[in-house]
Amino acid sequence: MIKKVLISFILILSINSNVYSNENCNNFKKFSVNYMKCKANSAKNNAVSAGKNFIKDTKEFQNKQWSKEKKKMNEIKKKVIKE
């Protein structure tokens, strides 16, 4: 039970840290509709940019890892075709 609470607490902290952005929503009253829109927009923008970075990093990692194997496969194909 303690583990579940601890994991939930860490998850909430990590989610809250992603909500902060460079956009300044302090110009609006804290409980106004415009303030909520501003915060929601900044959270959406951060989520989208984090997703794009994750996808880009994954593609780069796969290209690095698979490029060696692809070269090996191409060399084997050349050897098989020559024989």
PDB file of N, CA and C in Angstrom:
ATOM      1  N   MET A   1       0.822  -1.192   0.000  1.00  0.00           N
ATOM      2  CA  MET A   1       0.000   0.000   0.000  1.00  0.00           C
ATOM      3  C   MET A   1       0.867   1.257   0.000  1.00  0.00           C
ATOM      4  N   ILE A   2       1.931   1.207   0.769  1.00  0.00           N
ATOM      5  CA  ILE A   2       2.829   2.364   0.837  1.00  0.00           C
ATOM      6  C   ILE A   2       3.488   2.597  -0.514  1.00  0.00           C
ATOM      7  N   LYS A   3       3.820   1.510  -1.209  1.00  0.00           N
ATOM      8  CA  LYS A   3       4.443   1.632  -2.528  1.00  0.00           C
ATOM      9  C   LYS A   3       3.501   2.323  -3.504  1.00  0.00           C
ATOM     10  N   LYS A   4       2.221   1.968  -3.460  1.00  0.00           N
ATOM     11  CA  LYS A   4       1.241   2.582  -4.357  1.00  0.00           C
ATOM     12  C   LYS A   4       1.125   4.078  -4.101  1.00  0.00           C
ATOM     13  N   VAL A   5       1.090   4.455  -2.838  1.00  0.00           N
ATOM     14  CA  VAL A   5       0.989   5.868  -2.478  1.00  0.00           C
ATOM     15  C   VAL A   5       2.242   6.600  -2.929  1.00  0.00           C
ATOM     16  N   LEU A   6       3.384   6.017  -2.721  1.00  0.00           N
ATOM     17  CA  LEU A   6       4.648   6.647  -3.109  1.00  0.00           C
ATOM     18  C   LEU A   6       4.747   6.805  -4.618  1.00  0.00           C
ATOM     19  N   ILE A   7       4.360   5.779  -5.354  1.00  0.00           N
ATOM     20  CA  ILE A   7       4.389   5.860  -6.817  1.00  0.00           C
ATOM     21  C   ILE A   7       3.401   6.910  -7.311  1.00  0.00           C
ATOM     22  N   SER A   8       2.211   6.959  -6.707  1.00  0.00           N
ATOM     23  CA  SER A   8       1.212   7.963  -7.092  1.00  0.00           C
ATOM     24  C   SER A   8       1.739   9.367  -6.830  1.00  0.00           C
ATOM     25  N   PHE A   9       2.377   9.557  -5.692  1.00  0.00           N
ATOM     26  CA  PHE A   9       2.932  10.863  -5.332  1.00  0.00           C
ATOM     27  C   PHE A   9       3.998  11.301  -6.330  1.00  0.00           C
ATOM     28  N   ILE A  10       4.887  10.402  -6.699  1.00  0.00           N
ATOM     29  CA  ILE A  10       5.941  10.716  -7.667  1.00  0.00           C
ATOM     30  C   ILE A  10       5.339  11.019  -9.030  1.00  0.00           C
ATOM     31  N   LEU A  11       4.332  10.265  -9.418  1.00  0.00           N
ATOM     32  CA  LEU A  11       3.672  10.500 -10.696  1.00  0.00           C
ATOM     33  C   LEU A  11       3.017  11.879 -10.735  1.00  0.00           C
ATOM     34  N   ILE A  12       2.356  12.255  -9.666  1.00  0.00           N
ATOM     35  CA  ILE A  12       1.705  13.566  -9.607  1.00  0.00           C
ATOM     36  C   ILE A  12       2.742  14.676  -9.684  1.00  0.00           C
ATOM     37  N   LEU A  13       3.847  14.521  -8.992  1.00  0.00           N
ATOM     38  CA  LEU A  13       4.903  15.540  -9.044  1.00  0.00           C
ATOM     39  C   LEU A  13       5.489  15.671 -10.441  1.00  0.00           C
ATOM     40  N   SER A  14       5.679  14.548 -11.116  1.00  0.00           N
ATOM     41  CA  SER A  14       6.251  14.613 -12.459  1.00  0.00           C
ATOM     42  C   SER A  14       5.273  15.234 -13.442  1.00  0.00           C
ATOM     43  N   ILE A  15       3.993  14.982 -13.275  1.00  0.00           N
ATOM     44  CA  ILE A  15       2.990  15.586 -14.159  1.00  0.00           C
ATOM     45  C   ILE A  15       2.915  17.085 -13.930  1.00  0.00           C
ATOM     46  N   ASN A  16       2.958  17.499 -12.673  1.00  0.00           N
ATOM     47  CA  ASN A  16       2.884  18.927 -12.370  1.00  0.00           C
ATOM     48  C   ASN A  16       4.085  19.688 -12.913  1.00  0.00           C
ATOM     49  N   SER A  17       5.234  19.083 -12.938  1.00  0.00           N
ATOM     50  CA  SER A  17       6.416  19.780 -13.435  1.00  0.00           C
ATOM     51  C   SER A  17       6.339  19.996 -14.940  1.00  0.00           C
ATOM     52  N   ASN A  18       5.587  19.156 -15.661  1.00  0.00           N
ATOM     53  CA  ASN A  18       5.443  19.321 -17.101  1.00  0.00           C
ATOM     54  C   ASN A  18       4.471  20.425 -17.462  1.00  0.00           C
ATOM     55  N   VAL A  19       3.641  20.851 -16.526  1.00  0.00           N
ATOM     56  CA  VAL A  19       2.627  21.859 -16.821  1.00  0.00           C
ATOM     57  C   VAL A  19       3.251  23.240 -16.928  1.00  0.00           C
ATOM     58  N   TYR A  20       4.329  23.484 -16.214  1.00  0.00           N
ATOM     59  CA  TYR A  20       4.953  24.796 -16.245  1.00  0.00           C
ATOM     60  C   TYR A  20       5.600  25.044 -17.598  1.00  0.00           C
ATOM     61  N   SER A  21       5.455  26.266 -18.080  1.00  0.00           N
ATOM     62  CA  SER A  21       6.027  26.585 -19.378  1.00  0.00           C
ATOM     63  C   SER A  21       6.523  28.021 -19.380  1.00  0.00           C
ATOM     64  N   ASN A  22       6.968  28.450 -20.553  1.00  0.00           N
ATOM     65  CA  ASN A  22       7.469  29.812 -20.696  1.00  0.00           C
ATOM     66  C   ASN A  22       6.351  30.831 -20.835  1.00  0.00           C
ATOM     67  N   GLU A  23       5.143  30.376 -21.124  1.00  0.00           N
ATOM     68  CA  GLU A  23       4.026  31.291 -21.284  1.00  0.00           C
ATOM     69  C   GLU A  23       3.683  31.917 -19.944  1.00  0.00           C
ATOM     70  N   ASN A  24       3.403  33.201 -19.956  1.00  0.00           N
ATOM     71  CA  ASN A  24       3.089  33.907 -18.726  1.00  0.00           C
ATOM     72  C   ASN A  24       1.580  34.061 -18.614  1.00  0.00           C
ATOM     73  N   CYS A  25       0.966  33.319 -17.722  1.00  0.00           N
ATOM     74  CA  CYS A  25      -0.479  33.386 -17.512  1.00  0.00           C
ATOM     75  C   CYS A  25      -0.814  34.230 -16.295  1.00  0.00           C
ATOM     76  N   ASN A  26       0.169  34.904 -15.741  1.00  0.00           N
ATOM     77  CA  ASN A  26      -0.062  35.713 -14.540  1.00  0.00           C
ATOM     78  C   ASN A  26      -0.826  36.989 -14.828  1.00  0.00           C
ATOM     79  N   ASN A  27      -1.011  37.311 -16.108  1.00  0.00           N
ATOM     80  CA  ASN A  27      -1.749  38.522 -16.463  1.00  0.00           C
ATOM     81  C   ASN A  27      -3.231  38.375 -16.164  1.00  0.00           C
ATOM     82  N   PHE A  28      -3.697  37.155 -16.007  1.00  0.00           N
ATOM     83  CA  PHE A  28      -5.115  36.889 -15.790  1.00  0.00           C
ATOM     84  C   PHE A  28      -5.372  36.583 -14.319  1.00  0.00           C
ATOM     85  N   LYS A  29      -6.625  36.781 -13.920  1.00  0.00           N
ATOM     86  CA  LYS A  29      -7.013  36.385 -12.568  1.00  0.00           C
ATOM     87  C   LYS A  29      -6.957  34.870 -12.481  1.00  0.00           C
ATOM     88  N   LYS A  30      -6.625  34.351 -11.306  1.00  0.00           N
ATOM     89  CA  LYS A  30      -6.330  32.936 -11.154  1.00  0.00           C
ATOM     90  C   LYS A  30      -7.512  32.029 -11.495  1.00  0.00           C
ATOM     91  N   PHE A  31      -8.735  32.442 -11.229  1.00  0.00           N
ATOM     92  CA  PHE A  31      -9.880  31.593 -11.491  1.00  0.00           C
ATOM     93  C   PHE A  31     -10.694  32.048 -12.695  1.00  0.00           C
ATOM     94  N   SER A  32     -10.107  32.869 -13.551  1.00  0.00           N
ATOM     95  CA  SER A  32     -10.822  33.326 -14.737  1.00  0.00           C
ATOM     96  C   SER A  32     -10.742  32.284 -15.853  1.00  0.00           C
ATOM     97  N   VAL A  33     -11.638  32.411 -16.805  1.00  0.00           N
ATOM     98  CA  VAL A  33     -11.680  31.486 -17.943  1.00  0.00           C
ATOM     99  C   VAL A  33     -10.414  31.630 -18.783  1.00  0.00           C
ATOM    100  N   ASN A  34      -9.956  32.857 -18.962  1.00  0.00           N
ATOM    101  CA  ASN A  34      -8.753  33.099 -19.774  1.00  0.00           C
ATOM    102  C   ASN A  34      -7.509  32.481 -19.141  1.00  0.00           C
ATOM    103  N   TYR A  35      -7.436  32.517 -17.815  1.00  0.00           N
ATOM    104  CA  TYR A  35      -6.311  31.901 -17.108  1.00  0.00           C
ATOM    105  C   TYR A  35      -6.313  30.388 -17.332  1.00  0.00           C
ATOM    106  N   MET A  36      -7.483  29.789 -17.202  1.00  0.00           N
ATOM    107  CA  MET A  36      -7.596  28.338 -17.412  1.00  0.00           C
ATOM    108  C   MET A  36      -7.253  27.966 -18.852  1.00  0.00           C
ATOM    109  N   LYS A  37      -7.691  28.782 -19.806  1.00  0.00           N
ATOM    110  CA  LYS A  37      -7.361  28.531 -21.211  1.00  0.00           C
ATOM    111  C   LYS A  37      -5.856  28.632 -21.434  1.00  0.00           C
ATOM    112  N   CYS A  38      -5.253  29.632 -20.821  1.00  0.00           N
ATOM    113  CA  CYS A  38      -3.810  29.831 -20.970  1.00  0.00           C
ATOM    114  C   CYS A  38      -3.049  28.634 -20.399  1.00  0.00           C
ATOM    115  N   LYS A  39      -3.418  28.177 -19.201  1.00  0.00           N
ATOM    116  CA  LYS A  39      -2.750  27.040 -18.581  1.00  0.00           C
ATOM    117  C   LYS A  39      -2.962  25.759 -19.394  1.00  0.00           C
ATOM    118  N   ALA A  40      -4.194  25.571 -19.880  1.00  0.00           N
ATOM    119  CA  ALA A  40      -4.477  24.373 -20.677  1.00  0.00           C
ATOM    120  C   ALA A  40      -3.679  24.388 -21.966  1.00  0.00           C
ATOM    121  N   ASN A  41      -3.583  25.554 -22.574  1.00  0.00           N
ATOM    122  CA  ASN A  41      -2.828  25.688 -23.820  1.00  0.00           C
ATOM    123  C   ASN A  41      -1.344  25.410 -23.594  1.00  0.00           C
ATOM    124  N   SER A  42      -0.803  25.915 -22.504  1.00  0.00           N
ATOM    125  CA  SER A  42       0.620  25.676 -22.226  1.00  0.00           C
ATOM    126  C   SER A  42       0.874  24.197 -21.911  1.00  0.00           C
ATOM    127  N   ALA A  43      -0.056  23.549 -21.203  1.00  0.00           N
ATOM    128  CA  ALA A  43       0.099  22.130 -20.915  1.00  0.00           C
ATOM    129  C   ALA A  43       0.041  21.315 -22.206  1.00  0.00           C
ATOM    130  N   LYS A  44      -0.875  21.686 -23.100  1.00  0.00           N
ATOM    131  CA  LYS A  44      -0.998  20.986 -24.381  1.00  0.00           C
ATOM    132  C   LYS A  44       0.274  21.153 -25.205  1.00  0.00           C
ATOM    133  N   ASN A  45       0.780  22.362 -25.254  1.00  0.00           N
ATOM    134  CA  ASN A  45       2.003  22.627 -26.030  1.00  0.00           C
ATOM    135  C   ASN A  45       3.183  21.830 -25.488  1.00  0.00           C
ATOM    136  N   ASN A  46       3.298  21.747 -24.166  1.00  0.00           N
ATOM    137  CA  ASN A  46       4.394  20.969 -23.568  1.00  0.00           C
ATOM    138  C   ASN A  46       4.246  19.488 -23.865  1.00  0.00           C
ATOM    139  N   ALA A  47       3.014  18.989 -23.818  1.00  0.00           N
ATOM    140  CA  ALA A  47       2.793  17.569 -24.099  1.00  0.00           C
ATOM    141  C   ALA A  47       3.125  17.245 -25.545  1.00  0.00           C
ATOM    142  N   VAL A  48       2.736  18.115 -26.451  1.00  0.00           N
ATOM    143  CA  VAL A  48       3.010  17.891 -27.871  1.00  0.00           C
ATOM    144  C   VAL A  48       4.512  17.935 -28.138  1.00  0.00           C
ATOM    145  N   SER A  49       5.196  18.915 -27.570  1.00  0.00           N
ATOM    146  CA  SER A  49       6.637  19.015 -27.812  1.00  0.00           C
ATOM    147  C   SER A  49       7.383  17.834 -27.183  1.00  0.00           C
ATOM    148  N   ALA A  50       6.931  17.378 -26.015  1.00  0.00           N
ATOM    149  CA  ALA A  50       7.568  16.217 -25.387  1.00  0.00           C
ATOM    150  C   ALA A  50       7.358  14.976 -26.254  1.00  0.00           C
ATOM    151  N   GLY A  51       6.174  14.830 -26.816  1.00  0.00           N
ATOM    152  CA  GLY A  51       5.894  13.694 -27.701  1.00  0.00           C
ATOM    153  C   GLY A  51       6.752  13.728 -28.945  1.00  0.00           C
ATOM    154  N   LYS A  52       6.903  14.912 -29.519  1.00  0.00           N
ATOM    155  CA  LYS A  52       7.728  15.045 -30.723  1.00  0.00           C
ATOM    156  C   LYS A  52       9.182  14.714 -30.415  1.00  0.00           C
ATOM    157  N   ASN A  53       9.675  15.193 -29.280  1.00  0.00           N
ATOM    158  CA  ASN A  53      11.061  14.897 -28.896  1.00  0.00           C
ATOM    159  C   ASN A  53      11.253  13.407 -28.671  1.00  0.00           C
ATOM    160  N   PHE A  54      10.284  12.751 -28.048  1.00  0.00           N
ATOM    161  CA  PHE A  54      10.377  11.313 -27.802  1.00  0.00           C
ATOM    162  C   PHE A  54      10.428  10.545 -29.116  1.00  0.00           C
ATOM    163  N   ILE A  55       9.577  10.917 -30.056  1.00  0.00           N
ATOM    164  CA  ILE A  55       9.544  10.247 -31.356  1.00  0.00           C
ATOM    165  C   ILE A  55      10.857  10.459 -32.096  1.00  0.00           C
ATOM    166  N   LYS A  56      11.345  11.695 -32.080  1.00  0.00           N
ATOM    167  CA  LYS A  56      12.603  11.998 -32.767  1.00  0.00           C
ATOM    168  C   LYS A  56      13.761  11.208 -32.165  1.00  0.00           C
ATOM    169  N   ASP A  57      13.827  11.173 -30.833  1.00  0.00           N
ATOM    170  CA  ASP A  57      14.898  10.426 -30.172  1.00  0.00           C
ATOM    171  C   ASP A  57      14.810   8.936 -30.478  1.00  0.00           C
ATOM    172  N   THR A  58      13.593   8.405 -30.524  1.00  0.00           N
ATOM    173  CA  THR A  58      13.407   6.989 -30.824  1.00  0.00           C
ATOM    174  C   THR A  58      13.871   6.666 -32.236  1.00  0.00           C
ATOM    175  N   LYS A  59      13.514   7.509 -33.191  1.00  0.00           N
ATOM    176  CA  LYS A  59      13.932   7.285 -34.577  1.00  0.00           C
ATOM    177  C   LYS A  59      15.447   7.331 -34.709  1.00  0.00           C
ATOM    178  N   GLU A  60      16.073   8.306 -34.061  1.00  0.00           N
ATOM    179  CA  GLU A  60      17.532   8.411 -34.131  1.00  0.00           C
ATOM    180  C   GLU A  60      18.201   7.188 -33.514  1.00  0.00           C
ATOM    181  N   PHE A  61      17.675   6.725 -32.380  1.00  0.00           N
ATOM    182  CA  PHE A  61      18.237   5.545 -31.732  1.00  0.00           C
ATOM    183  C   PHE A  61      18.100   4.323 -32.624  1.00  0.00           C
ATOM    184  N   GLN A  62      16.926   4.148 -33.222  1.00  0.00           N
ATOM    185  CA  GLN A  62      16.719   2.998 -34.093  1.00  0.00           C
ATOM    186  C   GLN A  62      17.633   3.050 -35.307  1.00  0.00           C
ATOM    187  N   ASN A  63      17.797   4.221 -35.880  1.00  0.00           N
ATOM    188  CA  ASN A  63      18.691   4.344 -37.040  1.00  0.00           C
ATOM    189  C   ASN A  63      20.127   3.992 -36.662  1.00  0.00           C
ATOM    190  N   LYS A  64      20.571   4.439 -35.490  1.00  0.00           N
ATOM    191  CA  LYS A  64      21.930   4.123 -35.050  1.00  0.00           C
ATOM    192  C   LYS A  64      22.095   2.630 -34.817  1.00  0.00           C
ATOM    193  N   GLN A  65      21.133   2.023 -34.146  1.00  0.00           N
ATOM    194  CA  GLN A  65      21.235   0.604 -33.797  1.00  0.00           C
ATOM    195  C   GLN A  65      21.088  -0.288 -35.019  1.00  0.00           C
ATOM    196  N   TRP A  66      20.197   0.062 -35.907  1.00  0.00           N
ATOM    197  CA  TRP A  66      19.895  -0.802 -37.042  1.00  0.00           C
ATOM    198  C   TRP A  66      20.812  -0.567 -38.235  1.00  0.00           C
ATOM    199  N   SER A  67      21.551   0.532 -38.251  1.00  0.00           N
ATOM    200  CA  SER A  67      22.397   0.801 -39.407  1.00  0.00           C
ATOM    201  C   SER A  67      23.502  -0.245 -39.537  1.00  0.00           C
ATOM    202  N   LYS A  68      24.079  -0.692 -38.423  1.00  0.00           N
ATOM    203  CA  LYS A  68      25.129  -1.716 -38.467  1.00  0.00           C
ATOM    204  C   LYS A  68      24.564  -3.033 -39.004  1.00  0.00           C
ATOM    205  N   GLU A  69      23.405  -3.416 -38.518  1.00  0.00           N
ATOM    206  CA  GLU A  69      22.796  -4.666 -38.967  1.00  0.00           C
ATOM    207  C   GLU A  69      22.393  -4.584 -40.433  1.00  0.00           C
ATOM    208  N   LYS A  70      21.938  -3.414 -40.844  1.00  0.00           N
ATOM    209  CA  LYS A  70      21.549  -3.241 -42.247  1.00  0.00           C
ATOM    210  C   LYS A  70      22.766  -3.381 -43.155  1.00  0.00           C
ATOM    211  N   LYS A  71      23.895  -2.840 -42.739  1.00  0.00           N
ATOM    212  CA  LYS A  71      25.127  -2.980 -43.522  1.00  0.00           C
ATOM    213  C   LYS A  71      25.543  -4.439 -43.621  1.00  0.00           C
ATOM    214  N   LYS A  72      25.429  -5.149 -42.490  1.00  0.00           N
ATOM    215  CA  LYS A  72      25.783  -6.573 -42.500  1.00  0.00           C
ATOM    216  C   LYS A  72      24.875  -7.348 -43.452  1.00  0.00           C
ATOM    217  N   MET A  73      23.582  -7.051 -43.412  1.00  0.00           N
ATOM    218  CA  MET A  73      22.630  -7.751 -44.286  1.00  0.00           C
ATOM    219  C   MET A  73      22.927  -7.458 -45.752  1.00  0.00           C
ATOM    220  N   ASN A  74      23.259  -6.218 -46.069  1.00  0.00           N
ATOM    221  CA  ASN A  74      23.588  -5.865 -47.444  1.00  0.00           C
ATOM    222  C   ASN A  74      24.857  -6.578 -47.918  1.00  0.00           C
ATOM    223  N   GLU A  75      25.846  -6.703 -47.040  1.00  0.00           N
ATOM    224  CA  GLU A  75      27.069  -7.421 -47.399  1.00  0.00           C
ATOM    225  C   GLU A  75      26.781  -8.896 -47.646  1.00  0.00           C
ATOM    226  N   ILE A  76      25.944  -9.477 -46.817  1.00  0.00           N
ATOM    227  CA  ILE A  76      25.590 -10.891 -46.986  1.00  0.00           C
ATOM    228  C   ILE A  76      24.830 -11.078 -48.295  1.00  0.00           C
ATOM    229  N   LYS A  77      23.937 -10.168 -48.623  1.00  0.00           N
ATOM    230  CA  LYS A  77      23.178 -10.260 -49.873  1.00  0.00           C
ATOM    231  C   LYS A  77      24.125 -10.200 -51.069  1.00  0.00           C
ATOM    232  N   LYS A  78      25.109  -9.308 -51.007  1.00  0.00           N
ATOM    233  CA  LYS A  78      26.069  -9.201 -52.095  1.00  0.00           C
ATOM    234  C   LYS A  78      26.861 -10.487 -52.255  1.00  0.00           C
ATOM    235  N   LYS A  79      27.286 -11.087 -51.135  1.00  0.00           N
ATOM    236  CA  LYS A  79      28.033 -12.343 -51.201  1.00  0.00           C
ATOM    237  C   LYS A  79      27.187 -13.463 -51.770  1.00  0.00           C
ATOM    238  N   VAL A  80      25.918 -13.532 -51.397  1.00  0.00           N
ATOM    239  CA  VAL A  80      25.042 -14.593 -51.871  1.00  0.00           C
ATOM    240  C   VAL A  80      24.766 -14.426 -53.354  1.00  0.00           C
ATOM    241  N   ILE A  81      24.551 -13.206 -53.800  1.00  0.00           N
ATOM    242  CA  ILE A  81      24.253 -12.952 -55.206  1.00  0.00           C
ATOM    243  C   ILE A  81      25.462 -13.278 -56.087  1.00  0.00           C
ATOM    244  N   LYS A  82      26.672 -13.003 -55.638  1.00  0.00           N
ATOM    245  CA  LYS A  82      27.876 -13.268 -56.402  1.00  0.00           C
ATOM    246  C   LYS A  82      28.101 -14.760 -56.585  1.00  0.00           C
ATOM    247  N   GLU A  83      27.708 -15.565 -55.634  1.00  0.00           N
ATOM    248  CA  GLU A  83      27.980 -16.996 -55.712  1.00  0.00           C
ATOM    249  C   GLU A  83      27.003 -17.684 -56.552  1.00  0.00           C
TER     250      GLU A  83
END
